[in-house]
C-alpha atoms as a PDB file:
ATOM      1  CA  MET A   1     115.743  85.696 103.858  1.00  0.00           C
ATOM      2  CA  ASN A   2     117.888  87.921 101.668  1.00  0.00           C
ATOM      3  CA  ILE A   3     115.316  89.655  99.445  1.00  0.00           C
ATOM      4  CA  ALA A   4     115.554  92.074  96.518  1.00  0.00           C
ATOM      5  CA  ILE A   5     112.820  94.564  95.641  1.00  0.00           C
ATOM      6  CA  VAL A   6     113.186  96.121  92.203  1.00  0.00           C
ATOM      7  CA  GLY A   7     111.210  99.346  91.862  1.00  0.00           C
ATOM      8  CA  ILE A   8     110.786 101.406  95.031  1.00  0.00           C
ATOM      9  CA  GLY A   9     107.715 103.401  94.195  1.00  0.00           C
ATOM     10  CA  LEU A  10     104.465 102.988  96.108  1.00  0.00           C
ATOM     11  CA  VAL A  11     104.217  99.182  95.784  1.00  0.00           C
ATOM     12  CA  GLY A  12     107.915  98.675  96.460  1.00  0.00           C
ATOM     13  CA  ARG A  13     107.760 100.706  99.666  1.00  0.00           C
ATOM     14  CA  VAL A  14     104.658  98.925 100.935  1.00  0.00           C
ATOM     15  CA  LEU A  15     106.393  95.626 100.184  1.00  0.00           C
ATOM     16  CA  ALA A  16     109.521  96.712 102.058  1.00  0.00           C
ATOM     17  CA  LEU A  17     107.560  97.770 105.138  1.00  0.00           C
ATOM     18  CA  ASN A  18     105.763  94.426 105.256  1.00  0.00           C
ATOM     19  CA  LEU A  19     108.908  92.357 104.733  1.00  0.00           C
ATOM     20  CA  LEU A  20     110.884  94.220 107.383  1.00  0.00           C
ATOM     21  CA  LYS A  21     108.247  93.274 109.953  1.00  0.00           C
ATOM     22  CA  GLN A  22     109.040  89.632 109.186  1.00  0.00           C
ATOM     23  CA  GLY A  23     112.763  90.098 109.850  1.00  0.00           C
ATOM     24  CA  HIS A  24     114.075  89.879 106.284  1.00  0.00           C
ATOM     25  CA  THR A  25     117.141  91.644 104.889  1.00  0.00           C
ATOM     26  CA  LEU A  26     116.348  93.838 101.889  1.00  0.00           C
ATOM     27  CA  THR A  27     118.212  95.208  98.901  1.00  0.00           C
ATOM     28  CA  LEU A  28     116.229  97.933  97.145  1.00  0.00           C
ATOM     29  CA  PHE A  29     116.891  98.704  93.482  1.00  0.00           C
ATOM     30  CA  ASP A  30     115.430 101.758  91.775  1.00  0.00           C
ATOM     31  CA  LYS A  31     116.216 103.651  88.594  1.00  0.00           C
ATOM     32  CA  GLY A  32     115.439 106.899  90.427  1.00  0.00           C
ATOM     33  CA  SER A  33     116.561 108.449  93.675  1.00  0.00           C
ATOM     34  CA  LYS A  34     115.536 107.576  97.216  1.00  0.00           C
ATOM     35  CA  ASP A  35     113.118 110.498  97.466  1.00  0.00           C
ATOM     36  CA  GLY A  36     110.768 108.771  95.002  1.00  0.00           C
ATOM     37  CA  THR A  37     109.716 112.002  93.309  1.00  0.00           C
ATOM     38  CA  SER A  38     109.794 110.374  89.860  1.00  0.00           C
ATOM     39  CA  ALA A  39     107.380 107.594  90.904  1.00  0.00           C
ATOM     40  CA  ALA A  40     103.701 107.624  89.980  1.00  0.00           C
ATOM     41  CA  GLY A  41     102.995 107.220  93.700  1.00  0.00           C
ATOM     42  CA  PHE A  42     104.483 110.649  94.356  1.00  0.00           C
ATOM     43  CA  THR A  43     102.251 112.402  91.823  1.00  0.00           C
ATOM     44  CA  ALA A  44      99.068 110.787  93.167  1.00  0.00           C
ATOM     45  CA  ALA A  45      96.427 112.405  95.366  1.00  0.00           C
ATOM     46  CA  GLY A  46      96.281 109.223  97.466  1.00  0.00           C
ATOM     47  CA  MET A  47      92.498 108.872  97.485  1.00  0.00           C
ATOM     48  CA  LEU A  48      90.925 105.995  99.402  1.00  0.00           C
ATOM     49  CA  ALA A  49      87.560 105.899  97.679  1.00  0.00           C
ATOM     50  CA  PRO A  50      86.396 102.346  96.892  1.00  0.00           C
ATOM     51  CA  PHE A  51      82.787 103.430  96.274  1.00  0.00           C
ATOM     52  CA  ALA A  52      83.735 106.343  94.042  1.00  0.00           C
ATOM     53  CA  GLU A  53      85.895 104.096  91.846  1.00  0.00           C
ATOM     54  CA  LEU A  54      83.303 101.334  91.643  1.00  0.00           C
ATOM     55  CA  GLU A  55      81.296 102.894  88.823  1.00  0.00           C
ATOM     56  CA  THR A  56      83.882 101.942  86.207  1.00  0.00           C
ATOM     57  CA  ALA A  57      85.843  99.303  88.129  1.00  0.00           C
ATOM     58  CA  GLU A  58      85.368  95.634  88.924  1.00  0.00           C
ATOM     59  CA  SER A  59      84.024  94.619  92.330  1.00  0.00           C
ATOM     60  CA  ILE A  60      87.460  93.212  93.201  1.00  0.00           C
ATOM     61  CA  ILE A  61      88.750  96.802  93.307  1.00  0.00           C
ATOM     62  CA  PHE A  62      86.054  97.600  95.849  1.00  0.00           C
ATOM     63  CA  GLU A  63      86.942  94.635  98.067  1.00  0.00           C
ATOM     64  CA  HIS A  64      90.680  95.261  97.931  1.00  0.00           C
ATOM     65  CA  GLY A  65      90.042  98.934  98.595  1.00  0.00           C
ATOM     66  CA  LYS A  66      88.133  98.220 101.793  1.00  0.00           C
ATOM     67  CA  ARG A  67      90.958  95.963 102.962  1.00  0.00           C
ATOM     68  CA  SER A  68      93.604  98.589 102.174  1.00  0.00           C
ATOM     69  CA  ILE A  69      91.730 101.156 104.254  1.00  0.00           C
ATOM     70  CA  GLN A  70      92.098  98.768 107.192  1.00  0.00           C
ATOM     71  CA  LEU A  71      95.810  98.245 106.541  1.00  0.00           C
ATOM     72  CA  TRP A  72      96.976 101.827 105.966  1.00  0.00           C
ATOM     73  CA  PRO A  73      96.965 103.073 109.608  1.00  0.00           C
ATOM     74  CA  ASP A  74      99.551 100.522 110.779  1.00  0.00           C
ATOM     75  CA  LEU A  75     101.788 101.203 107.780  1.00  0.00           C
ATOM     76  CA  LEU A  76     101.731 104.937 108.428  1.00  0.00           C
ATOM     77  CA  LYS A  77     102.288 104.464 112.154  1.00  0.00           C
ATOM     78  CA  GLU A  78     105.345 102.319 111.394  1.00  0.00           C
ATOM     79  CA  ILE A  79     107.042 105.168 109.512  1.00  0.00           C
ATOM     80  CA  GLY A  80     105.964 107.853 111.988  1.00  0.00           C
ATOM     81  CA  LEU A  81     103.420 109.550 109.727  1.00  0.00           C
ATOM     82  CA  PHE A  82     100.668 109.922 112.300  1.00  0.00           C
ATOM     83  CA  ASP A  83      98.696 112.685 110.563  1.00  0.00           C
ATOM     84  CA  GLY A  84      98.946 111.420 106.985  1.00  0.00           C
ATOM     85  CA  TYR A  85      95.606 109.631 106.865  1.00  0.00           C
ATOM     86  CA  LYS A  86      92.110 111.116 106.837  1.00  0.00           C
ATOM     87  CA  LEU A  87      88.890 109.137 106.706  1.00  0.00           C
ATOM     88  CA  ASP A  88      86.192 111.786 107.061  1.00  0.00           C
ATOM     89  CA  GLY A  89      84.270 110.704 103.968  1.00  0.00           C
ATOM     90  CA  THR A  90      84.120 111.993 100.396  1.00  0.00           C
ATOM     91  CA  ILE A  91      81.658 114.200  98.528  1.00  0.00           C
ATOM     92  CA  ILE A  92      80.331 113.398  95.029  1.00  0.00           C
ATOM     93  CA  THR A  93      78.595 116.195  93.140  1.00  0.00           C
ATOM     94  CA  ALA A  94      78.008 117.528  89.613  1.00  0.00           C
ATOM     95  CA  HIS A  95      77.024 120.590  87.648  1.00  0.00           C
ATOM     96  CA  PRO A  96      73.244 121.169  87.460  1.00  0.00           C
ATOM     97  CA  GLN A  97      73.252 120.086  83.798  1.00  0.00           C
ATOM     98  CA  ASP A  98      74.995 116.839  84.776  1.00  0.00           C
ATOM     99  CA  MET A  99      72.594 115.733  87.526  1.00  0.00           C
ATOM    100  CA  SER A 100      71.364 112.847  85.389  1.00  0.00           C
ATOM    101  CA  GLU A 101      74.936 111.563  85.295  1.00  0.00           C
ATOM    102  CA  LEU A 102      75.139 111.886  89.066  1.00  0.00           C
ATOM    103  CA  ASN A 103      71.967 109.847  89.488  1.00  0.00           C
ATOM    104  CA  HIS A 104      73.260 107.243  87.047  1.00  0.00           C
ATOM    105  CA  PHE A 105      76.544 107.129  88.938  1.00  0.00           C
ATOM    106  CA  ILE A 106      74.848 106.338  92.247  1.00  0.00           C
ATOM    107  CA  GLY A 107      72.445 103.927  90.584  1.00  0.00           C
ATOM    108  CA  THR A 108      75.369 101.975  89.154  1.00  0.00           C
ATOM    109  CA  LEU A 109      76.987 101.739  92.585  1.00  0.00           C
ATOM    110  CA  LYS A 110      73.786 100.458  94.180  1.00  0.00           C
ATOM    111  CA  HIS A 111      73.448  97.849  91.449  1.00  0.00           C
ATOM    112  CA  LYS A 112      76.975  96.569  92.070  1.00  0.00           C
ATOM    113  CA  VAL A 113      77.165  96.447  95.872  1.00  0.00           C
ATOM    114  CA  ALA A 114      74.501  96.404  98.586  1.00  0.00           C
ATOM    115  CA  GLU A 115      76.594  98.724 100.796  1.00  0.00           C
ATOM    116  CA  ALA A 116      75.934 101.567  98.352  1.00  0.00           C
ATOM    117  CA  GLU A 117      72.389 101.816  99.725  1.00  0.00           C
ATOM    118  CA  GLU A 118      73.942 103.528 102.752  1.00  0.00           C
ATOM    119  CA  ILE A 119      75.304 106.431 100.696  1.00  0.00           C
ATOM    120  CA  GLU A 120      73.723 109.613 102.016  1.00  0.00           C
ATOM    121  CA  VAL A 121      71.919 112.086  99.734  1.00  0.00           C
ATOM    122  CA  LEU A 122      72.603 115.724 100.598  1.00  0.00           C
ATOM    123  CA  ASP A 123      70.384 118.634  99.624  1.00  0.00           C
ATOM    124  CA  LYS A 124      71.818 122.154  99.517  1.00  0.00           C
ATOM    125  CA  GLU A 125      71.314 122.777 103.239  1.00  0.00           C
ATOM    126  CA  ALA A 126      72.789 119.453 104.345  1.00  0.00           C
ATOM    127  CA  LEU A 127      75.747 119.853 101.983  1.00  0.00           C
ATOM    128  CA  THR A 128      76.439 123.374 103.254  1.00  0.00           C
ATOM    129  CA  ASN A 129      76.291 122.155 106.844  1.00  0.00           C
ATOM    130  CA  LEU A 130      78.851 119.478 106.028  1.00  0.00           C
ATOM    131  CA  GLU A 131      81.093 121.556 103.744  1.00  0.00           C
ATOM    132  CA  SER A 132      80.235 125.242 103.842  1.00  0.00           C
ATOM    133  CA  ASP A 133      82.453 126.053 100.844  1.00  0.00           C
ATOM    134  CA  LEU A 134      80.408 123.754  98.606  1.00  0.00           C
ATOM    135  CA  GLU A 135      77.316 125.928  98.969  1.00  0.00           C
ATOM    136  CA  GLN A 136      77.225 126.583  95.208  1.00  0.00           C
ATOM    137  CA  HIS A 137      75.869 123.057  94.708  1.00  0.00           C
ATOM    138  CA  ASN A 138      72.274 122.001  95.170  1.00  0.00           C
ATOM    139  CA  ARG A 139      72.788 118.287  95.563  1.00  0.00           C
ATOM    140  CA  ALA A 140      75.536 115.813  96.394  1.00  0.00           C
ATOM    141  CA  TYR A 141      76.211 112.398  97.840  1.00  0.00           C
ATOM    142  CA  TYR A 142      78.225 111.807 100.995  1.00  0.00           C
ATOM    143  CA  ILE A 143      80.173 108.549 101.254  1.00  0.00           C
ATOM    144  CA  LYS A 144      81.328 107.823 104.777  1.00  0.00           C
ATOM    145  CA  ASP A 145      84.540 105.945 105.619  1.00  0.00           C
ATOM    146  CA  GLU A 146      86.397 107.182 102.559  1.00  0.00           C
ATOM    147  CA  GLY A 147      89.306 109.596 102.557  1.00  0.00           C
ATOM    148  CA  TYR A 148      92.938 109.854 101.519  1.00  0.00           C
ATOM    149  CA  VAL A 149      96.575 109.196 102.342  1.00  0.00           C
ATOM    150  CA  ASP A 150      98.981 112.115 102.061  1.00  0.00           C
ATOM    151  CA  ALA A 151     100.853 110.516  99.170  1.00  0.00           C
ATOM    152  CA  GLN A 152     103.810 112.895  99.002  1.00  0.00           C
ATOM    153  CA  ARG A 153     104.530 112.655 102.717  1.00  0.00           C
ATOM    154  CA  PHE A 154     104.146 108.867 102.615  1.00  0.00           C
ATOM    155  CA  MET A 155     106.833 108.698  99.951  1.00  0.00           C
ATOM    156  CA  MET A 156     109.117 110.991 101.927  1.00  0.00           C
ATOM    157  CA  PHE A 157     108.558 109.409 105.365  1.00  0.00           C
ATOM    158  CA  SER A 158     108.840 105.845 104.041  1.00  0.00           C
ATOM    159  CA  GLY A 159     112.030 106.714 102.195  1.00  0.00           C
ATOM    160  CA  ASN A 160     113.592 108.183 105.329  1.00  0.00           C
ATOM    161  CA  TYR A 161     112.456 105.201 107.401  1.00  0.00           C
ATOM    162  CA  LEU A 162     113.886 102.630 104.999  1.00  0.00           C
ATOM    163  CA  ASP A 163     117.109 104.596 104.663  1.00  0.00           C
ATOM    164  CA  MET A 164     117.660 104.432 108.433  1.00  0.00           C
ATOM    165  CA  ARG A 165     117.101 100.671 108.760  1.00  0.00           C
ATOM    166  CA  SER A 166     120.296  98.619 109.059  1.00  0.00           C
ATOM    167  CA  GLU A 167     118.602  95.670 107.338  1.00  0.00           C
ATOM    168  CA  VAL A 168     118.126  97.717 104.176  1.00  0.00           C
ATOM    169  CA  SER A 169     120.664  98.325 101.420  1.00  0.00           C
ATOM    170  CA  TRP A 170     119.480 100.937  98.940  1.00  0.00           C
ATOM    171  CA  ARG A 171     120.762 100.924  95.345  1.00  0.00           C
ATOM    172  CA  GLU A 172     119.294 104.120  93.926  1.00  0.00           C
ATOM    173  CA  ASN A 173     119.855 105.348  90.354  1.00  0.00           C
ATOM    174  CA  THR A 174     120.380 101.739  89.281  1.00  0.00           C
ATOM    175  CA  LEU A 175     118.779 100.405  86.104  1.00  0.00           C
ATOM    176  CA  VAL A 176     117.952  96.690  86.252  1.00  0.00           C
ATOM    177  CA  ASP A 177     118.145  94.953  82.880  1.00  0.00           C
ATOM    178  CA  LYS A 178     116.233  91.781  83.669  1.00  0.00           C
ATOM    179  CA  ILE A 179     114.716  89.813  86.530  1.00  0.00           C
ATOM    180  CA  GLU A 180     114.527  86.033  86.823  1.00  0.00           C
ATOM    181  CA  SER A 181     113.826  83.564  89.614  1.00  0.00           C
ATOM    182  CA  GLY A 182     116.037  84.690  92.492  1.00  0.00           C
ATOM    183  CA  LYS A 183     118.241  86.767  90.155  1.00  0.00           C
ATOM    184  CA  VAL A 184     118.679  90.430  89.283  1.00  0.00           C
ATOM    185  CA  TYR A 185     120.663  91.340  86.153  1.00  0.00           C
ATOM    186  CA  ILE A 186     122.582  94.653  86.123  1.00  0.00           C
ATOM    187  CA  ASN A 187     125.117  95.555  83.432  1.00  0.00           C
ATOM    188  CA  GLU A 188     125.659  91.893  82.489  1.00  0.00           C
ATOM    189  CA  GLU A 189     126.278  90.989  86.116  1.00  0.00           C
ATOM    190  CA  ILE A 190     123.985  88.698  88.106  1.00  0.00           C
ATOM    191  CA  GLU A 191     123.086  89.190  91.764  1.00  0.00           C
ATOM    192  CA  VAL A 192     121.453  86.239  93.531  1.00  0.00           C
ATOM    193  CA  PHE A 193     118.781  86.461  96.257  1.00  0.00           C
ATOM    194  CA  ASP A 194     116.500  84.106  98.177  1.00  0.00           C
ATOM    195  CA  TRP A 195     113.520  85.937  96.642  1.00  0.00           C
ATOM    196  CA  VAL A 196     113.011  88.798  94.199  1.00  0.00           C
ATOM    197  CA  PHE A 197     110.032  91.141  93.942  1.00  0.00           C
ATOM    198  CA  ASP A 198     109.423  92.977  90.677  1.00  0.00           C
ATOM    199  CA  ALA A 199     107.536  96.228  91.390  1.00  0.00           C
ATOM    200  CA  ARG A 200     108.891  98.311  88.512  1.00  0.00           C
ATOM    201  CA  GLY A 201     105.603  99.506  87.054  1.00  0.00           C
ATOM    202  CA  LEU A 202     106.218 100.524  83.441  1.00  0.00           C
ATOM    203  CA  GLY A 203     109.835  99.457  83.847  1.00  0.00           C
ATOM    204  CA  ALA A 204     108.672  95.825  83.637  1.00  0.00           C
ATOM    205  CA  LYS A 205     107.679  95.966  79.962  1.00  0.00           C
ATOM    206  CA  GLU A 206     110.405  93.473  79.097  1.00  0.00           C
ATOM    207  CA  HIS A 207     108.247  90.883  80.855  1.00  0.00           C
ATOM    208  CA  PHE A 208     104.659  92.137  80.433  1.00  0.00           C
ATOM    209  CA  SER A 209     103.896  92.554  76.735  1.00  0.00           C
ATOM    210  CA  ASP A 210     100.430  94.004  77.429  1.00  0.00           C
ATOM    211  CA  LEU A 211     101.531  96.627  79.977  1.00  0.00           C
ATOM    212  CA  ARG A 212     100.774 100.226  79.033  1.00  0.00           C
ATOM    213  CA  GLY A 213     101.075 103.663  80.571  1.00  0.00           C
ATOM    214  CA  VAL A 214      98.101 105.986  81.168  1.00  0.00           C
ATOM    215  CA  ARG A 215      99.066 109.637  81.486  1.00  0.00           C
ATOM    216  CA  GLY A 216      97.722 111.539  84.461  1.00  0.00           C
ATOM    217  CA  GLU A 217      98.088 115.245  85.246  1.00  0.00           C
ATOM    218  CA  VAL A 218      97.430 117.122  88.477  1.00  0.00           C
ATOM    219  CA  ILE A 219      97.570 120.766  89.539  1.00  0.00           C
ATOM    220  CA  TRP A 220      98.443 122.061  93.008  1.00  0.00           C
ATOM    221  CA  LEU A 221      96.525 125.147  94.131  1.00  0.00           C
ATOM    222  CA  GLU A 222      96.934 127.369  97.160  1.00  0.00           C
ATOM    223  CA  ALA A 223      93.743 129.129  98.218  1.00  0.00           C
ATOM    224  CA  ASN A 224      93.328 131.650 101.032  1.00  0.00           C
ATOM    225  CA  ASP A 225      89.540 131.827 101.028  1.00  0.00           C
ATOM    226  CA  ILE A 226      88.537 128.178 100.724  1.00  0.00           C
ATOM    227  CA  ASP A 227      88.325 125.560 103.435  1.00  0.00           C
ATOM    228  CA  ILE A 228      87.211 122.215 102.006  1.00  0.00           C
ATOM    229  CA  ILE A 229      87.939 119.390 104.445  1.00  0.00           C
ATOM    230  CA  ARG A 230      86.909 116.306 102.491  1.00  0.00           C
ATOM    231  CA  PRO A 231      87.963 115.029  99.070  1.00  0.00           C
ATOM    232  CA  THR A 232      85.358 116.196  96.599  1.00  0.00           C
ATOM    233  CA  ARG A 233      84.722 114.487  93.277  1.00  0.00           C
ATOM    234  CA  LEU A 234      83.015 116.320  90.440  1.00  0.00           C
ATOM    235  CA  LEU A 235      81.439 114.239  87.686  1.00  0.00           C
ATOM    236  CA  HIS A 236      82.863 115.375  84.384  1.00  0.00           C
ATOM    237  CA  PRO A 237      82.192 114.178  80.826  1.00  0.00           C
ATOM    238  CA  ARG A 238      85.837 113.236  80.246  1.00  0.00           C
ATOM    239  CA  TYR A 239      87.614 112.759  83.584  1.00  0.00           C
ATOM    240  CA  LYS A 240      87.062 111.844  87.205  1.00  0.00           C
ATOM    241  CA  ILE A 241      87.837 115.316  88.550  1.00  0.00           C
ATOM    242  CA  TYR A 242      88.705 115.514  92.230  1.00  0.00           C
ATOM    243  CA  VAL A 243      89.717 118.158  94.759  1.00  0.00           C
ATOM    244  CA  VAL A 244      91.817 116.733  97.594  1.00  0.00           C
ATOM    245  CA  PRO A 245      92.926 118.893 100.564  1.00  0.00           C
ATOM    246  CA  ARG A 246      96.599 118.914 101.497  1.00  0.00           C
ATOM    247  CA  GLY A 247      96.818 121.124 104.578  1.00  0.00           C
ATOM    248  CA  SER A 248      98.571 124.485 104.644  1.00  0.00           C
ATOM    249  CA  GLY A 249     101.825 125.618 103.135  1.00  0.00           C
ATOM    250  CA  CYS A 250     104.746 123.346 102.309  1.00  0.00           C
ATOM    251  CA  GLU A 251     105.091 121.811 105.754  1.00  0.00           C
ATOM    252  CA  GLY A 252     106.184 118.203 105.441  1.00  0.00           C
ATOM    253  CA  MET A 253     106.701 118.418 101.697  1.00  0.00           C
ATOM    254  CA  ASP A 254     109.861 117.825  99.708  1.00  0.00           C
ATOM    255  CA  ILE A 255     111.974 120.973  99.585  1.00  0.00           C
ATOM    256  CA  ALA A 256     111.604 121.123  95.796  1.00  0.00           C
ATOM    257  CA  TYR A 257     108.013 122.144  96.310  1.00  0.00           C
ATOM    258  CA  CYS A 258     109.007 125.177  98.363  1.00  0.00           C
ATOM    259  CA  ASN A 259     111.487 126.250  95.717  1.00  0.00           C
ATOM    260  CA  GLU A 260     108.941 125.759  92.985  1.00  0.00           C
ATOM    261  CA  CYS A 261     106.174 127.737  94.683  1.00  0.00           C
ATOM    262  CA  LYS A 262     107.840 131.147  94.395  1.00  0.00           C
ATOM    263  CA  ILE A 263     105.032 132.700  96.441  1.00  0.00           C
ATOM    264  CA  SER A 264     104.665 133.724 100.068  1.00  0.00           C
ATOM    265  CA  GLN A 265     102.806 131.470 102.471  1.00  0.00           C
ATOM    266  CA  GLU A 266      99.746 133.407 103.536  1.00  0.00           C
ATOM    267  CA  PRO A 267      98.419 132.675 107.060  1.00  0.00           C
ATOM    268  CA  GLY A 268      95.457 130.319 106.875  1.00  0.00           C
ATOM    269  CA  SER A 269      95.998 129.375 103.256  1.00  0.00           C
ATOM    270  CA  LYS A 270      95.383 125.787 102.239  1.00  0.00           C
ATOM    271  CA  ARG A 271      96.577 123.589  99.430  1.00  0.00           C
ATOM    272  CA  TYR A 272      94.585 121.302  97.187  1.00  0.00           C
ATOM    273  CA  ILE A 273      95.481 118.725  94.572  1.00  0.00           C
ATOM    274  CA  ILE A 274      93.264 119.029  91.499  1.00  0.00           C
ATOM    275  CA  GLY A 275      93.230 116.005  89.225  1.00  0.00           C
ATOM    276  CA  ALA A 276      93.301 113.945  87.318  1.00  0.00           C
ATOM    277  CA  THR A 277      93.343 113.533  83.607  1.00  0.00           C
ATOM    278  CA  GLU A 278      93.348 110.046  82.122  1.00  0.00           C
ATOM    279  CA  ILE A 279      95.011 109.983  78.707  1.00  0.00           C
ATOM    280  CA  GLU A 280      96.055 106.898  76.737  1.00  0.00           C
ATOM    281  CA  SER A 281      99.638 108.000  76.328  1.00  0.00           C
ATOM    282  CA  GLU A 282     103.030 107.355  77.922  1.00  0.00           C
ATOM    283  CA  ASP A 283     104.052 110.971  77.471  1.00  0.00           C
ATOM    284  CA  THR A 284     105.350 112.532  80.701  1.00  0.00           C
ATOM    285  CA  SER A 285     105.965 116.030  79.321  1.00  0.00           C
ATOM    286  CA  PRO A 286     104.517 119.029  81.231  1.00  0.00           C
ATOM    287  CA  LEU A 287     100.801 119.690  81.668  1.00  0.00           C
ATOM    288  CA  SER A 288      98.987 120.511  78.433  1.00  0.00           C
ATOM    289  CA  VAL A 289      96.927 123.668  77.863  1.00  0.00           C
ATOM    290  CA  ARG A 290      93.812 121.612  77.182  1.00  0.00           C
ATOM    291  CA  SER A 291      94.131 119.620  80.412  1.00  0.00           C
ATOM    292  CA  SER A 292      94.887 122.701  82.487  1.00  0.00           C
ATOM    293  CA  MET A 293      91.805 124.478  81.114  1.00  0.00           C
ATOM    294  CA  GLU A 294      89.569 121.492  81.841  1.00  0.00           C
ATOM    295  CA  LEU A 295      90.896 120.938  85.363  1.00  0.00           C
ATOM    296  CA  LEU A 296      90.828 124.617  86.294  1.00  0.00           C
ATOM    297  CA  SER A 297      87.379 125.288  84.852  1.00  0.00           C
ATOM    298  CA  ALA A 298      86.081 122.267  86.756  1.00  0.00           C
ATOM    299  CA  VAL A 299      87.547 123.403  90.066  1.00  0.00           C
ATOM    300  CA  PHE A 300      86.224 126.932  89.468  1.00  0.00           C
ATOM    301  CA  SER A 301      82.746 125.421  89.211  1.00  0.00           C
ATOM    302  CA  VAL A 302      83.268 123.662  92.549  1.00  0.00           C
ATOM    303  CA  ASN A 303      83.802 127.050  94.195  1.00  0.00           C
ATOM    304  CA  SER A 304      84.282 130.312  92.299  1.00  0.00           C
ATOM    305  CA  ASN A 305      86.765 131.489  94.948  1.00  0.00           C
ATOM    306  CA  PHE A 306      89.227 129.087  93.362  1.00  0.00           C
ATOM    307  CA  GLY A 307      89.487 131.784  90.699  1.00  0.00           C
ATOM    308  CA  GLU A 308      91.767 133.668  93.089  1.00  0.00           C
ATOM    309  CA  ALA A 309      93.826 130.609  94.042  1.00  0.00           C
ATOM    310  CA  ARG A 310      97.491 130.394  93.090  1.00  0.00           C
ATOM    311  CA  ILE A 311      98.888 127.612  90.931  1.00  0.00           C
ATOM    312  CA  VAL A 312     101.962 126.489  92.844  1.00  0.00           C
ATOM    313  CA  ASN A 313     102.839 123.291  91.002  1.00  0.00           C
ATOM    314  CA  SER A 314     101.753 120.810  88.359  1.00  0.00           C
ATOM    315  CA  GLU A 315     102.767 117.185  87.956  1.00  0.00           C
ATOM    316  CA  THR A 316     102.470 114.584  85.209  1.00  0.00           C
ATOM    317  CA  ASN A 317     103.170 110.881  85.350  1.00  0.00           C
ATOM    318  CA  CYS A 318     102.079 107.576  83.850  1.00  0.00           C
ATOM    319  CA  ARG A 319     100.128 104.896  85.685  1.00  0.00           C
ATOM    320  CA  PRO A 320     100.952 101.274  84.779  1.00  0.00           C
ATOM    321  CA  ALA A 321      97.898  99.385  83.530  1.00  0.00           C
ATOM    322  CA  PHE A 322      96.888  96.236  81.686  1.00  0.00           C
ATOM    323  CA  ARG A 323      94.085  95.919  79.124  1.00  0.00           C
ATOM    324  CA  ASP A 324      91.492  95.114  81.797  1.00  0.00           C
ATOM    325  CA  ASN A 325      92.799  97.860  84.135  1.00  0.00           C
ATOM    326  CA  LEU A 326      93.101  95.281  86.917  1.00  0.00           C
ATOM    327  CA  PRO A 327      96.189  94.597  89.039  1.00  0.00           C
ATOM    328  CA  ARG A 328      98.191  91.484  88.354  1.00  0.00           C
ATOM    329  CA  ILE A 329     100.225  89.255  90.670  1.00  0.00           C
ATOM    330  CA  GLU A 330     102.527  86.584  89.246  1.00  0.00           C
ATOM    331  CA  ASN A 331     104.195  84.160  91.636  1.00  0.00           C
ATOM    332  CA  GLU A 332     106.815  81.592  90.743  1.00  0.00           C
ATOM    333  CA  GLU A 333     109.743  80.035  92.545  1.00  0.00           C
ATOM    334  CA  LYS A 334     111.785  82.774  94.244  1.00  0.00           C
ATOM    335  CA  LEU A 335     110.025  85.510  92.256  1.00  0.00           C
ATOM    336  CA  THR A 336     106.893  87.650  92.635  1.00  0.00           C
ATOM    337  CA  ARG A 337     105.755  90.307  90.185  1.00  0.00           C
ATOM    338  CA  ILE A 338     103.168  92.979  91.114  1.00  0.00           C
ATOM    339  CA  ASN A 339     101.961  95.457  88.516  1.00  0.00           C
ATOM    340  CA  GLY A 340      99.039  97.219  86.877  1.00  0.00           C
ATOM    341  CA  LEU A 341      97.507  99.138  89.791  1.00  0.00           C
ATOM    342  CA  TYR A 342      96.386 101.770  87.251  1.00  0.00           C
ATOM    343  CA  ARG A 343      94.677 104.760  88.913  1.00  0.00           C
ATOM    344  CA  HIS A 344      94.067 102.823  92.137  1.00  0.00           C
ATOM    345  CA  GLY A 345      97.561 102.814  93.618  1.00  0.00           C
ATOM    346  CA  TYR A 346      96.903 103.958  97.179  1.00  0.00           C
ATOM    347  CA  LEU A 347      93.508 102.290  97.217  1.00  0.00           C
ATOM    348  CA  LEU A 348      94.979  98.894  96.323  1.00  0.00           C
ATOM    349  CA  ALA A 349      98.646  98.708  97.296  1.00  0.00           C
ATOM    350  CA  PRO A 350      98.414  97.386 100.893  1.00  0.00           C
ATOM    351  CA  ALA A 351      95.798  94.742 100.041  1.00  0.00           C
ATOM    352  CA  ILE A 352      97.538  93.654  96.824  1.00  0.00           C
ATOM    353  CA  VAL A 353     100.874  93.354  98.626  1.00  0.00           C
ATOM    354  CA  GLU A 354      99.220  91.310 101.390  1.00  0.00           C
ATOM    355  CA  LYS A 355      97.676  89.002  98.794  1.00  0.00           C
ATOM    356  CA  ALA A 356     100.955  88.645  96.881  1.00  0.00           C
ATOM    357  CA  LEU A 357     102.905  87.739 100.017  1.00  0.00           C
ATOM    358  CA  ASN A 358     100.327  85.193 101.163  1.00  0.00           C
ATOM    359  CA  GLU A 359     100.207  83.542  97.733  1.00  0.00           C
ATOM    360  CA  GLY A 360     103.955  83.661  97.156  1.00  0.00           C
ATOM    361  CA  ILE A 361     106.742  83.868  99.688  1.00  0.00           C
ATOM    362  CA  TYR A 362     104.504  82.892 102.643  1.00  0.00           C
ATOM    363  CA  ALA A 363     102.437  80.257 100.816  1.00  0.00           C
END
């Protein structure tokens, strides 16, 4: 089939990888460039943490998340990103004064799913044995089989892969006015396809009247004296604060990161993504003072050595979400729309795309 995908962020790229396996010819439309740096999927930390999200999410997020964890390895292998996926577990902890919130958090998980009974409680000694640089904390929970996808490298590797495929025609920096069954409207011209996928995120507001953007901000730190292997989530009164490792230096990153860093790469230094705020706003202006203070004070409490870390970058973007914060799939003749993955992009995308294809084009 001759298929159009409109919106080549995270969902659009996962769609393209799946459709290419089936032998289709693709035309990719995006208002941004091929590198995908303006997409919400580029800003993300890429966490695969179905248990950690379950406290405030529906059980369907948990089920889709477990399925996505199964699907990610083959997707990454397809694009040649063999080291972009870690599943060594995640750590959940809190300040001493917030231990009641930590207990409530775990209690909520156990109430929602039976699998939560397997979450391991760590005292100070066990936590230090697992993550020596979390020794400042007296108690934590260890959730096995969670981890992360290196989101920035996924965007870069997938973009390069799609760009090299002869079956793919890429129309970057192209604003689509409207999408209908089998049709894409651009500057009053109509292009016809056997099937069209709408994966525009917030760009699809002309169709979804209840679609909104939720602002998220992250900070990139480089730290010489800290070696945290696993994603670590700190319970916080306002946000779901996380610390996600990203290896050393700028290796594998978009060149803009190297230019932005403006600092030397110290031997043995490691990078971490610190995030993320969750603000009901579609503002994508730079990181606010308030958010930076909250994120940095939180990460300082994770390990005081972060006080000597270097801020090498900050990113802001807006996640597409509906009122119920659940993803939505709409299938009709020759048209599928996927939207509203909210803060669960990497956790949900492979499973949601699989579901959309099975209910739509392959039904």
